[in-house]
N, C-alpha and C. Protein backbone atom coordinates (compact mmCIF):
# COMPACT_ATOMS: atom_id res chain seq x y z
N MET A 1 21.60 35.64 -3.95
CA MET A 1 20.18 35.96 -3.77
C MET A 1 19.46 35.89 -5.13
N VAL A 2 18.33 35.21 -5.15
CA VAL A 2 17.57 35.04 -6.38
C VAL A 2 16.58 36.20 -6.53
N ASP A 3 16.57 36.77 -7.70
CA ASP A 3 15.63 37.84 -8.03
C ASP A 3 14.25 37.21 -8.25
N LYS A 4 13.22 37.79 -7.69
CA LYS A 4 11.87 37.22 -7.80
C LYS A 4 11.01 37.95 -8.82
N GLN A 5 11.65 38.68 -9.76
CA GLN A 5 10.89 39.47 -10.74
C GLN A 5 10.06 38.59 -11.67
N ASN A 6 10.59 37.43 -12.07
CA ASN A 6 9.83 36.55 -12.97
C ASN A 6 8.58 36.01 -12.28
N LEU A 7 8.72 35.65 -11.01
CA LEU A 7 7.57 35.18 -10.24
C LEU A 7 6.57 36.32 -10.05
N ALA A 8 7.06 37.51 -9.74
CA ALA A 8 6.18 38.67 -9.57
C ALA A 8 5.39 38.93 -10.85
N ALA A 9 6.06 38.86 -12.00
CA ALA A 9 5.40 39.09 -13.29
C ALA A 9 4.33 38.03 -13.54
N TYR A 10 4.64 36.77 -13.23
CA TYR A 10 3.68 35.68 -13.41
C TYR A 10 2.43 35.92 -12.56
N ILE A 11 2.65 36.29 -11.29
CA ILE A 11 1.51 36.53 -10.39
C ILE A 11 0.69 37.71 -10.88
N ARG A 12 1.35 38.78 -11.29
CA ARG A 12 0.63 39.99 -11.76
C ARG A 12 -0.18 39.71 -13.03
N GLN A 13 0.29 38.78 -13.87
CA GLN A 13 -0.47 38.42 -15.07
C GLN A 13 -1.72 37.61 -14.73
N THR A 14 -1.72 37.01 -13.54
CA THR A 14 -2.80 36.11 -13.15
C THR A 14 -3.86 36.79 -12.29
N VAL A 15 -3.42 37.60 -11.31
CA VAL A 15 -4.35 38.27 -10.39
C VAL A 15 -3.86 39.68 -10.07
N GLN A 16 -4.80 40.47 -9.57
CA GLN A 16 -4.47 41.83 -9.14
C GLN A 16 -4.17 41.81 -7.64
N LEU A 17 -2.93 42.13 -7.28
CA LEU A 17 -2.55 42.29 -5.89
C LEU A 17 -2.01 43.71 -5.71
N THR A 18 -2.18 44.26 -4.52
CA THR A 18 -1.53 45.53 -4.24
C THR A 18 -0.03 45.28 -4.16
N ASP A 19 0.76 46.33 -4.24
CA ASP A 19 2.21 46.18 -4.10
C ASP A 19 2.57 45.55 -2.76
N GLU A 20 1.84 45.92 -1.72
CA GLU A 20 2.11 45.37 -0.38
C GLU A 20 1.76 43.88 -0.33
N GLN A 21 0.62 43.52 -0.91
CA GLN A 21 0.24 42.10 -0.94
C GLN A 21 1.26 41.28 -1.72
N LEU A 22 1.68 41.81 -2.88
CA LEU A 22 2.64 41.09 -3.70
C LEU A 22 3.95 40.89 -2.94
N ALA A 23 4.44 41.93 -2.31
CA ALA A 23 5.69 41.82 -1.54
C ALA A 23 5.52 40.79 -0.41
N PHE A 24 4.35 40.78 0.22
CA PHE A 24 4.07 39.83 1.30
C PHE A 24 4.10 38.40 0.77
N VAL A 25 3.41 38.17 -0.35
CA VAL A 25 3.38 36.84 -0.97
C VAL A 25 4.78 36.40 -1.36
N LEU A 26 5.52 37.27 -2.05
CA LEU A 26 6.87 36.92 -2.51
C LEU A 26 7.79 36.56 -1.35
N GLY A 27 7.56 37.16 -0.19
CA GLY A 27 8.39 36.87 0.97
C GLY A 27 8.32 35.42 1.42
N TYR A 28 7.26 34.72 1.05
CA TYR A 28 7.10 33.31 1.45
C TYR A 28 7.79 32.34 0.48
N PHE A 29 8.19 32.81 -0.68
CA PHE A 29 8.85 31.95 -1.67
C PHE A 29 10.36 31.96 -1.42
N LYS A 30 10.94 30.78 -1.25
CA LYS A 30 12.36 30.63 -0.96
C LYS A 30 13.06 29.93 -2.12
N PRO A 31 14.30 30.36 -2.46
CA PRO A 31 15.03 29.73 -3.56
C PRO A 31 15.53 28.33 -3.20
N SER A 32 15.58 27.48 -4.20
CA SER A 32 16.07 26.11 -4.06
C SER A 32 16.74 25.72 -5.37
N LYS A 33 18.03 25.41 -5.32
CA LYS A 33 18.79 25.08 -6.54
C LYS A 33 18.97 23.57 -6.64
N HIS A 34 18.82 23.07 -7.88
CA HIS A 34 18.90 21.63 -8.12
C HIS A 34 19.76 21.35 -9.35
N PRO A 35 20.76 20.46 -9.23
CA PRO A 35 21.59 20.13 -10.39
C PRO A 35 20.81 19.29 -11.41
N LYS A 36 21.36 19.24 -12.61
CA LYS A 36 20.76 18.44 -13.69
C LYS A 36 20.53 17.00 -13.22
N ASN A 37 19.37 16.48 -13.53
CA ASN A 37 18.92 15.11 -13.25
C ASN A 37 18.56 14.84 -11.79
N LYS A 38 18.60 15.84 -10.94
CA LYS A 38 18.25 15.66 -9.52
C LYS A 38 16.75 15.41 -9.38
N ILE A 39 16.40 14.41 -8.59
CA ILE A 39 15.01 14.16 -8.25
C ILE A 39 14.62 15.14 -7.14
N ILE A 40 13.63 15.96 -7.40
CA ILE A 40 13.19 16.98 -6.45
C ILE A 40 12.17 16.40 -5.48
N VAL A 41 11.22 15.64 -6.02
CA VAL A 41 10.25 14.89 -5.22
C VAL A 41 10.20 13.50 -5.83
N ASP A 42 10.38 12.47 -5.01
CA ASP A 42 10.37 11.11 -5.53
C ASP A 42 9.00 10.46 -5.31
N VAL A 43 8.74 9.41 -6.08
CA VAL A 43 7.52 8.63 -5.89
C VAL A 43 7.51 8.14 -4.44
N GLY A 44 6.38 8.29 -3.78
CA GLY A 44 6.24 7.85 -2.40
C GLY A 44 6.48 8.95 -1.38
N GLU A 45 7.13 10.05 -1.80
CA GLU A 45 7.32 11.19 -0.90
C GLU A 45 6.07 12.06 -0.94
N VAL A 46 5.83 12.78 0.14
CA VAL A 46 4.73 13.74 0.16
C VAL A 46 5.28 15.09 -0.31
N ASN A 47 4.64 15.65 -1.32
CA ASN A 47 5.08 16.93 -1.88
C ASN A 47 4.68 18.06 -0.94
N GLN A 48 5.67 18.76 -0.41
CA GLN A 48 5.43 19.81 0.58
C GLN A 48 5.46 21.22 0.00
N TYR A 49 5.78 21.37 -1.30
CA TYR A 49 6.00 22.69 -1.86
C TYR A 49 5.28 22.90 -3.19
N MET A 50 4.88 24.15 -3.41
CA MET A 50 4.46 24.64 -4.72
C MET A 50 5.72 25.25 -5.32
N ASN A 51 6.08 24.85 -6.54
CA ASN A 51 7.36 25.23 -7.15
C ASN A 51 7.17 26.12 -8.37
N PHE A 52 7.83 27.26 -8.38
CA PHE A 52 7.91 28.12 -9.55
C PHE A 52 9.32 27.98 -10.12
N ILE A 53 9.42 27.67 -11.42
CA ILE A 53 10.73 27.50 -12.05
C ILE A 53 11.24 28.88 -12.46
N ASP A 54 12.23 29.38 -11.73
CA ASP A 54 12.83 30.66 -12.11
C ASP A 54 13.73 30.47 -13.33
N SER A 55 14.47 29.37 -13.33
CA SER A 55 15.28 29.01 -14.51
C SER A 55 15.45 27.50 -14.52
N GLY A 56 15.49 26.92 -15.72
CA GLY A 56 15.69 25.48 -15.84
C GLY A 56 14.48 24.77 -16.40
N CYS A 57 14.39 23.49 -16.07
CA CYS A 57 13.35 22.63 -16.62
C CYS A 57 13.06 21.49 -15.65
N VAL A 58 11.77 21.20 -15.45
CA VAL A 58 11.35 20.12 -14.56
C VAL A 58 10.41 19.21 -15.33
N ARG A 59 10.61 17.91 -15.12
CA ARG A 59 9.63 16.97 -15.68
C ARG A 59 8.92 16.25 -14.55
N LEU A 60 7.66 15.93 -14.79
CA LEU A 60 6.85 15.13 -13.89
C LEU A 60 6.66 13.79 -14.58
N PHE A 61 7.07 12.71 -13.90
CA PHE A 61 6.99 11.40 -14.54
C PHE A 61 6.67 10.31 -13.52
N PHE A 62 6.23 9.19 -14.04
CA PHE A 62 6.00 8.00 -13.24
C PHE A 62 6.54 6.81 -14.00
N SER A 63 6.58 5.66 -13.35
CA SER A 63 7.08 4.45 -13.99
C SER A 63 5.96 3.43 -14.12
N SER A 64 5.93 2.76 -15.27
CA SER A 64 4.93 1.71 -15.49
C SER A 64 5.33 0.48 -14.67
N GLU A 65 4.45 -0.50 -14.65
CA GLU A 65 4.74 -1.74 -13.93
C GLU A 65 5.99 -2.43 -14.49
N GLU A 66 6.25 -2.18 -15.79
CA GLU A 66 7.43 -2.78 -16.43
C GLU A 66 8.69 -1.97 -16.17
N GLY A 67 8.56 -0.86 -15.46
CA GLY A 67 9.72 -0.03 -15.14
C GLY A 67 10.03 1.04 -16.18
N GLN A 68 9.15 1.21 -17.16
CA GLN A 68 9.36 2.23 -18.19
C GLN A 68 8.93 3.58 -17.65
N GLU A 69 9.80 4.60 -17.79
CA GLU A 69 9.46 5.95 -17.35
C GLU A 69 8.51 6.59 -18.36
N ILE A 70 7.44 7.18 -17.84
CA ILE A 70 6.45 7.85 -18.67
C ILE A 70 6.37 9.30 -18.20
N THR A 71 6.74 10.21 -19.07
CA THR A 71 6.76 11.63 -18.74
C THR A 71 5.37 12.21 -18.95
N ARG A 72 4.77 12.68 -17.87
CA ARG A 72 3.43 13.26 -17.96
C ARG A 72 3.48 14.72 -18.40
N HIS A 73 4.48 15.44 -17.91
CA HIS A 73 4.52 16.87 -18.22
C HIS A 73 5.96 17.36 -18.13
N ILE A 74 6.29 18.37 -18.93
CA ILE A 74 7.60 19.02 -18.91
C ILE A 74 7.34 20.52 -18.81
N VAL A 75 8.01 21.15 -17.86
CA VAL A 75 7.76 22.56 -17.58
C VAL A 75 9.08 23.33 -17.62
N PHE A 76 9.08 24.45 -18.33
CA PHE A 76 10.27 25.28 -18.46
C PHE A 76 10.15 26.55 -17.62
N ASP A 77 11.16 27.40 -17.78
CA ASP A 77 11.28 28.65 -17.03
C ASP A 77 9.97 29.42 -16.93
N HIS A 78 9.79 30.03 -15.78
CA HIS A 78 8.74 31.01 -15.51
C HIS A 78 7.34 30.40 -15.49
N GLN A 79 7.27 29.14 -15.06
CA GLN A 79 5.99 28.45 -14.89
C GLN A 79 6.05 27.67 -13.57
N PHE A 80 4.89 27.26 -13.10
CA PHE A 80 4.83 26.41 -11.90
C PHE A 80 4.91 24.95 -12.30
N ALA A 81 5.58 24.15 -11.48
CA ALA A 81 5.69 22.70 -11.68
C ALA A 81 5.55 22.03 -10.32
N THR A 82 4.40 21.43 -10.09
CA THR A 82 4.11 20.85 -8.78
C THR A 82 3.29 19.59 -8.97
N GLY A 83 3.61 18.56 -8.22
CA GLY A 83 2.76 17.38 -8.17
C GLY A 83 1.54 17.73 -7.32
N LEU A 84 0.49 18.23 -7.97
CA LEU A 84 -0.63 18.83 -7.26
C LEU A 84 -1.40 17.85 -6.37
N ALA A 85 -1.61 16.62 -6.82
CA ALA A 85 -2.40 15.67 -6.01
C ALA A 85 -1.73 15.46 -4.66
N SER A 86 -0.44 15.23 -4.65
CA SER A 86 0.27 15.03 -3.39
C SER A 86 0.30 16.31 -2.56
N PHE A 87 0.48 17.46 -3.22
CA PHE A 87 0.51 18.75 -2.52
C PHE A 87 -0.82 19.03 -1.84
N ILE A 88 -1.92 18.82 -2.54
CA ILE A 88 -3.24 19.13 -2.00
C ILE A 88 -3.65 18.12 -0.94
N LEU A 89 -3.50 16.83 -1.23
CA LEU A 89 -3.99 15.78 -0.34
C LEU A 89 -2.99 15.41 0.76
N GLN A 90 -1.74 15.84 0.59
CA GLN A 90 -0.66 15.44 1.50
C GLN A 90 -0.56 13.92 1.60
N SER A 91 -0.64 13.30 0.44
CA SER A 91 -0.51 11.85 0.31
C SER A 91 0.77 11.55 -0.46
N PRO A 92 1.29 10.32 -0.36
CA PRO A 92 2.50 9.98 -1.11
C PRO A 92 2.32 10.23 -2.61
N SER A 93 3.32 10.83 -3.21
CA SER A 93 3.25 11.19 -4.62
C SER A 93 3.29 9.94 -5.50
N GLN A 94 2.47 9.94 -6.53
CA GLN A 94 2.45 8.86 -7.52
C GLN A 94 3.42 9.15 -8.67
N GLU A 95 3.97 10.37 -8.68
CA GLU A 95 4.89 10.75 -9.74
C GLU A 95 6.10 11.45 -9.13
N ALA A 96 7.18 11.46 -9.88
CA ALA A 96 8.41 12.12 -9.45
C ALA A 96 8.56 13.44 -10.19
N LEU A 97 9.24 14.38 -9.55
CA LEU A 97 9.63 15.64 -10.18
C LEU A 97 11.14 15.62 -10.30
N GLN A 98 11.66 15.90 -11.49
CA GLN A 98 13.09 15.84 -11.75
C GLN A 98 13.55 17.09 -12.49
N ALA A 99 14.68 17.63 -12.06
CA ALA A 99 15.30 18.75 -12.78
C ALA A 99 16.02 18.17 -13.99
N LEU A 100 15.62 18.57 -15.20
CA LEU A 100 16.27 18.06 -16.42
C LEU A 100 17.47 18.90 -16.81
N GLU A 101 17.57 20.08 -16.24
CA GLU A 101 18.69 20.99 -16.44
C GLU A 101 19.03 21.56 -15.07
N PRO A 102 20.17 22.22 -14.91
CA PRO A 102 20.37 22.94 -13.65
C PRO A 102 19.18 23.89 -13.46
N THR A 103 18.52 23.78 -12.32
CA THR A 103 17.24 24.44 -12.13
C THR A 103 17.20 25.21 -10.82
N THR A 104 16.69 26.43 -10.89
CA THR A 104 16.44 27.22 -9.69
C THR A 104 14.95 27.37 -9.53
N LEU A 105 14.46 26.93 -8.38
CA LEU A 105 13.05 27.03 -8.05
C LEU A 105 12.85 28.12 -7.01
N LEU A 106 11.68 28.72 -7.03
CA LEU A 106 11.19 29.53 -5.93
C LEU A 106 10.02 28.73 -5.35
N ARG A 107 10.16 28.33 -4.07
CA ARG A 107 9.21 27.39 -3.49
C ARG A 107 8.49 28.02 -2.30
N ILE A 108 7.22 27.65 -2.18
CA ILE A 108 6.44 28.05 -1.01
C ILE A 108 5.91 26.77 -0.37
N SER A 109 6.04 26.68 0.94
CA SER A 109 5.57 25.48 1.64
C SER A 109 4.05 25.43 1.64
N ARG A 110 3.53 24.25 1.79
CA ARG A 110 2.07 24.07 1.80
C ARG A 110 1.42 24.88 2.93
N PRO A 111 1.93 24.81 4.18
CA PRO A 111 1.28 25.62 5.23
C PRO A 111 1.28 27.12 4.89
N ASP A 112 2.38 27.62 4.35
CA ASP A 112 2.43 29.04 3.98
C ASP A 112 1.47 29.36 2.83
N PHE A 113 1.40 28.46 1.85
CA PHE A 113 0.51 28.66 0.72
C PHE A 113 -0.94 28.75 1.19
N TYR A 114 -1.34 27.81 2.06
CA TYR A 114 -2.71 27.80 2.55
C TYR A 114 -2.98 28.97 3.51
N TYR A 115 -1.98 29.41 4.23
CA TYR A 115 -2.11 30.61 5.05
C TYR A 115 -2.46 31.81 4.17
N LEU A 116 -1.75 31.96 3.05
CA LEU A 116 -2.03 33.06 2.13
C LEU A 116 -3.45 32.96 1.56
N LEU A 117 -3.92 31.73 1.31
CA LEU A 117 -5.29 31.55 0.82
C LEU A 117 -6.30 32.11 1.82
N ASN A 118 -5.99 31.98 3.09
CA ASN A 118 -6.92 32.42 4.13
C ASN A 118 -6.92 33.93 4.34
N ILE A 119 -5.81 34.59 4.02
CA ILE A 119 -5.75 36.02 4.37
C ILE A 119 -5.79 36.97 3.17
N ILE A 120 -5.55 36.45 1.96
CA ILE A 120 -5.57 37.30 0.77
C ILE A 120 -6.57 36.71 -0.23
N PRO A 121 -7.76 37.30 -0.33
CA PRO A 121 -8.78 36.74 -1.24
C PRO A 121 -8.28 36.57 -2.68
N ALA A 122 -7.46 37.48 -3.16
CA ALA A 122 -6.96 37.36 -4.54
C ALA A 122 -6.06 36.14 -4.70
N TRP A 123 -5.44 35.68 -3.61
CA TRP A 123 -4.59 34.49 -3.70
C TRP A 123 -5.45 33.25 -3.96
N GLU A 124 -6.68 33.24 -3.44
CA GLU A 124 -7.60 32.14 -3.77
C GLU A 124 -7.92 32.15 -5.25
N THR A 125 -8.09 33.34 -5.82
CA THR A 125 -8.33 33.46 -7.26
C THR A 125 -7.12 32.94 -8.03
N PHE A 126 -5.92 33.29 -7.57
CA PHE A 126 -4.69 32.80 -8.19
C PHE A 126 -4.69 31.27 -8.22
N PHE A 127 -4.99 30.65 -7.08
CA PHE A 127 -4.97 29.19 -6.98
C PHE A 127 -6.04 28.58 -7.88
N ARG A 128 -7.24 29.17 -7.90
CA ARG A 128 -8.31 28.65 -8.77
C ARG A 128 -7.88 28.68 -10.22
N LYS A 129 -7.29 29.80 -10.65
CA LYS A 129 -6.85 29.91 -12.04
C LYS A 129 -5.74 28.90 -12.34
N TYR A 130 -4.85 28.69 -11.38
CA TYR A 130 -3.79 27.69 -11.56
C TYR A 130 -4.39 26.29 -11.69
N LEU A 131 -5.36 25.97 -10.85
CA LEU A 131 -6.01 24.66 -10.92
C LEU A 131 -6.76 24.47 -12.24
N GLU A 132 -7.41 25.54 -12.71
CA GLU A 132 -8.09 25.47 -14.01
C GLU A 132 -7.09 25.19 -15.12
N PHE A 133 -5.96 25.91 -15.10
CA PHE A 133 -4.91 25.72 -16.10
C PHE A 133 -4.39 24.27 -16.05
N ALA A 134 -4.13 23.78 -14.84
CA ALA A 134 -3.61 22.41 -14.69
C ALA A 134 -4.61 21.39 -15.21
N TYR A 135 -5.89 21.59 -14.92
CA TYR A 135 -6.92 20.66 -15.39
C TYR A 135 -6.97 20.65 -16.92
N LEU A 136 -7.01 21.83 -17.52
CA LEU A 136 -7.09 21.90 -18.98
C LEU A 136 -5.85 21.32 -19.64
N ASN A 137 -4.68 21.53 -19.03
CA ASN A 137 -3.45 20.97 -19.55
C ASN A 137 -3.49 19.44 -19.50
N ASN A 138 -3.94 18.90 -18.38
CA ASN A 138 -4.04 17.44 -18.26
C ASN A 138 -5.05 16.86 -19.25
N LEU A 139 -6.15 17.57 -19.47
CA LEU A 139 -7.15 17.13 -20.44
C LEU A 139 -6.55 17.10 -21.85
N THR A 140 -5.79 18.13 -22.19
CA THR A 140 -5.13 18.18 -23.50
C THR A 140 -4.17 17.01 -23.68
N ILE A 141 -3.39 16.72 -22.64
CA ILE A 141 -2.45 15.59 -22.70
C ILE A 141 -3.21 14.28 -22.88
N PHE A 142 -4.28 14.09 -22.12
CA PHE A 142 -5.08 12.87 -22.21
C PHE A 142 -5.67 12.72 -23.61
N GLN A 143 -6.25 13.79 -24.13
CA GLN A 143 -6.84 13.73 -25.47
C GLN A 143 -5.78 13.45 -26.53
N ARG A 144 -4.62 14.03 -26.38
CA ARG A 144 -3.52 13.79 -27.32
C ARG A 144 -3.19 12.30 -27.36
N GLU A 145 -3.13 11.68 -26.19
CA GLU A 145 -2.78 10.25 -26.13
C GLU A 145 -3.85 9.36 -26.75
N ILE A 146 -5.10 9.72 -26.56
CA ILE A 146 -6.21 8.88 -27.02
C ILE A 146 -6.52 9.08 -28.49
N MET A 147 -6.42 10.33 -28.95
CA MET A 147 -6.98 10.68 -30.25
C MET A 147 -5.96 10.86 -31.36
N LYS A 148 -4.66 10.87 -31.04
CA LYS A 148 -3.68 11.19 -32.08
C LYS A 148 -2.63 10.10 -32.20
N ASP A 149 -2.20 9.87 -33.44
CA ASP A 149 -1.13 8.90 -33.64
C ASP A 149 0.22 9.59 -33.40
N ALA A 150 1.28 8.81 -33.49
CA ALA A 150 2.62 9.31 -33.17
C ALA A 150 3.01 10.52 -34.02
N THR A 151 2.71 10.47 -35.31
CA THR A 151 3.07 11.59 -36.20
C THR A 151 2.33 12.86 -35.80
N GLU A 152 1.04 12.74 -35.52
CA GLU A 152 0.26 13.91 -35.11
C GLU A 152 0.76 14.47 -33.78
N ARG A 153 1.10 13.60 -32.84
CA ARG A 153 1.61 14.06 -31.54
C ARG A 153 2.91 14.83 -31.72
N TYR A 154 3.79 14.33 -32.58
CA TYR A 154 5.07 15.01 -32.81
C TYR A 154 4.85 16.35 -33.52
N LYS A 155 4.00 16.38 -34.52
CA LYS A 155 3.72 17.63 -35.24
C LYS A 155 3.11 18.67 -34.30
N ASP A 156 2.19 18.25 -33.44
CA ASP A 156 1.59 19.16 -32.46
C ASP A 156 2.65 19.72 -31.52
N LEU A 157 3.55 18.87 -31.08
CA LEU A 157 4.62 19.33 -30.19
C LEU A 157 5.49 20.37 -30.89
N LEU A 158 5.82 20.13 -32.14
CA LEU A 158 6.62 21.10 -32.89
C LEU A 158 5.89 22.43 -33.04
N ALA A 159 4.58 22.37 -33.20
CA ALA A 159 3.80 23.60 -33.37
C ALA A 159 3.69 24.38 -32.06
N VAL A 160 3.56 23.67 -30.94
CA VAL A 160 3.30 24.33 -29.66
C VAL A 160 4.58 24.56 -28.84
N ASN A 161 5.47 23.58 -28.80
CA ASN A 161 6.67 23.64 -27.97
C ASN A 161 7.92 23.17 -28.72
N PRO A 162 8.32 23.84 -29.79
CA PRO A 162 9.50 23.36 -30.52
C PRO A 162 10.78 23.39 -29.68
N HIS A 163 10.84 24.30 -28.70
CA HIS A 163 12.03 24.38 -27.84
C HIS A 163 12.21 23.11 -27.01
N LEU A 164 11.12 22.39 -26.74
CA LEU A 164 11.21 21.13 -26.00
C LEU A 164 12.06 20.13 -26.78
N VAL A 165 11.81 20.05 -28.08
CA VAL A 165 12.56 19.13 -28.94
C VAL A 165 14.02 19.55 -29.04
N LYS A 166 14.26 20.86 -29.07
CA LYS A 166 15.63 21.37 -29.20
C LYS A 166 16.43 21.24 -27.91
N ARG A 167 15.77 21.40 -26.75
CA ARG A 167 16.48 21.46 -25.48
C ARG A 167 16.70 20.12 -24.81
N LEU A 168 15.86 19.14 -25.11
CA LEU A 168 15.88 17.90 -24.33
C LEU A 168 16.31 16.70 -25.15
N PRO A 169 16.88 15.69 -24.47
CA PRO A 169 17.30 14.47 -25.18
C PRO A 169 16.10 13.71 -25.76
N ASN A 170 16.38 12.96 -26.84
CA ASN A 170 15.33 12.17 -27.50
C ASN A 170 14.59 11.25 -26.54
N LYS A 171 15.32 10.64 -25.61
CA LYS A 171 14.70 9.69 -24.68
C LYS A 171 13.59 10.36 -23.88
N ILE A 172 13.81 11.59 -23.43
CA ILE A 172 12.81 12.31 -22.63
C ILE A 172 11.65 12.75 -23.52
N VAL A 173 11.95 13.28 -24.70
CA VAL A 173 10.91 13.73 -25.63
C VAL A 173 10.03 12.54 -26.02
N ALA A 174 10.65 11.41 -26.32
CA ALA A 174 9.89 10.21 -26.70
C ALA A 174 8.99 9.76 -25.55
N SER A 175 9.51 9.80 -24.33
CA SER A 175 8.71 9.43 -23.16
C SER A 175 7.51 10.36 -23.01
N TYR A 176 7.73 11.65 -23.27
CA TYR A 176 6.65 12.64 -23.17
C TYR A 176 5.58 12.40 -24.24
N LEU A 177 6.00 11.97 -25.42
CA LEU A 177 5.07 11.73 -26.53
C LEU A 177 4.53 10.30 -26.55
N ASN A 178 4.92 9.50 -25.56
CA ASN A 178 4.46 8.11 -25.45
C ASN A 178 4.79 7.31 -26.70
N MET A 179 6.08 7.36 -27.06
CA MET A 179 6.56 6.57 -28.20
C MET A 179 7.98 6.12 -27.89
N SER A 180 8.48 5.21 -28.68
CA SER A 180 9.85 4.76 -28.48
C SER A 180 10.82 5.80 -29.04
N PRO A 181 12.06 5.83 -28.52
CA PRO A 181 13.06 6.73 -29.07
C PRO A 181 13.31 6.47 -30.56
N GLU A 182 13.18 5.22 -30.98
CA GLU A 182 13.38 4.87 -32.39
C GLU A 182 12.30 5.50 -33.27
N THR A 183 11.04 5.45 -32.79
CA THR A 183 9.94 6.07 -33.53
C THR A 183 10.17 7.58 -33.63
N LEU A 184 10.59 8.18 -32.52
CA LEU A 184 10.85 9.62 -32.54
C LEU A 184 11.97 9.95 -33.52
N SER A 185 13.03 9.17 -33.55
CA SER A 185 14.13 9.42 -34.49
C SER A 185 13.66 9.36 -35.93
N ARG A 186 12.81 8.38 -36.25
CA ARG A 186 12.26 8.27 -37.60
C ARG A 186 11.43 9.50 -37.94
N LEU A 187 10.59 9.94 -37.00
CA LEU A 187 9.75 11.12 -37.23
C LEU A 187 10.60 12.38 -37.40
N LYS A 188 11.65 12.50 -36.62
CA LYS A 188 12.51 13.68 -36.70
C LYS A 188 13.21 13.75 -38.06
N SER A 189 13.59 12.58 -38.58
CA SER A 189 14.27 12.59 -39.90
C SER A 189 13.27 12.90 -41.03
N LYS A 190 12.00 12.50 -40.84
CA LYS A 190 10.96 12.77 -41.84
C LYS A 190 10.45 14.21 -41.78
N ILE A 191 10.29 14.70 -40.55
CA ILE A 191 9.70 16.03 -40.33
C ILE A 191 10.79 16.92 -39.74
N GLN A 192 11.36 17.75 -40.56
CA GLN A 192 12.50 18.59 -40.12
C GLN A 192 12.01 19.76 -39.27
N LEU A 193 12.76 20.00 -38.19
CA LEU A 193 12.51 21.15 -37.30
C LEU A 193 13.22 22.35 -37.87
N ASP A 194 12.50 23.45 -38.02
CA ASP A 194 13.11 24.68 -38.55
C ASP A 194 14.01 25.32 -37.52
């Protein structure tokens, strides 16, 4: 049985729910375990779940026309990782979700999630705040790609998420920073991680 304390803490940091409401919401989240490198949602599948990472790491990625994997986002423990466009629109996903480490998710189905939106006003606030966070995160990623060179992108990553560089293989980190693994290796040798 998976303990839902991390999810409860995340929700409580975001919105005010009564103890009864929180217990009710948590009851809809079910555990799902995924081995390292397992594709959780593949390109072309419809994403049916909102996923909270209780432990592990998930990346959201797509492939270019040339077949190169491009990592849009990497999410670690105690955060949500969901292909939102597919979840909201119920359309085939344009990106894949992959467990980069052995990962335990707490998942809520789309019908259950939307049911909670209808009966608990604070859950709508939770979703709005999550959507705001996702939008701002995507804007930051877009601006990073447009406005910063490879060295600046790597330095920013070290400042904000040094554990990403420590925990994940160069190939994944390079894909996330939109550079070749060779460029990343050169930067790593020039700029030492403490």
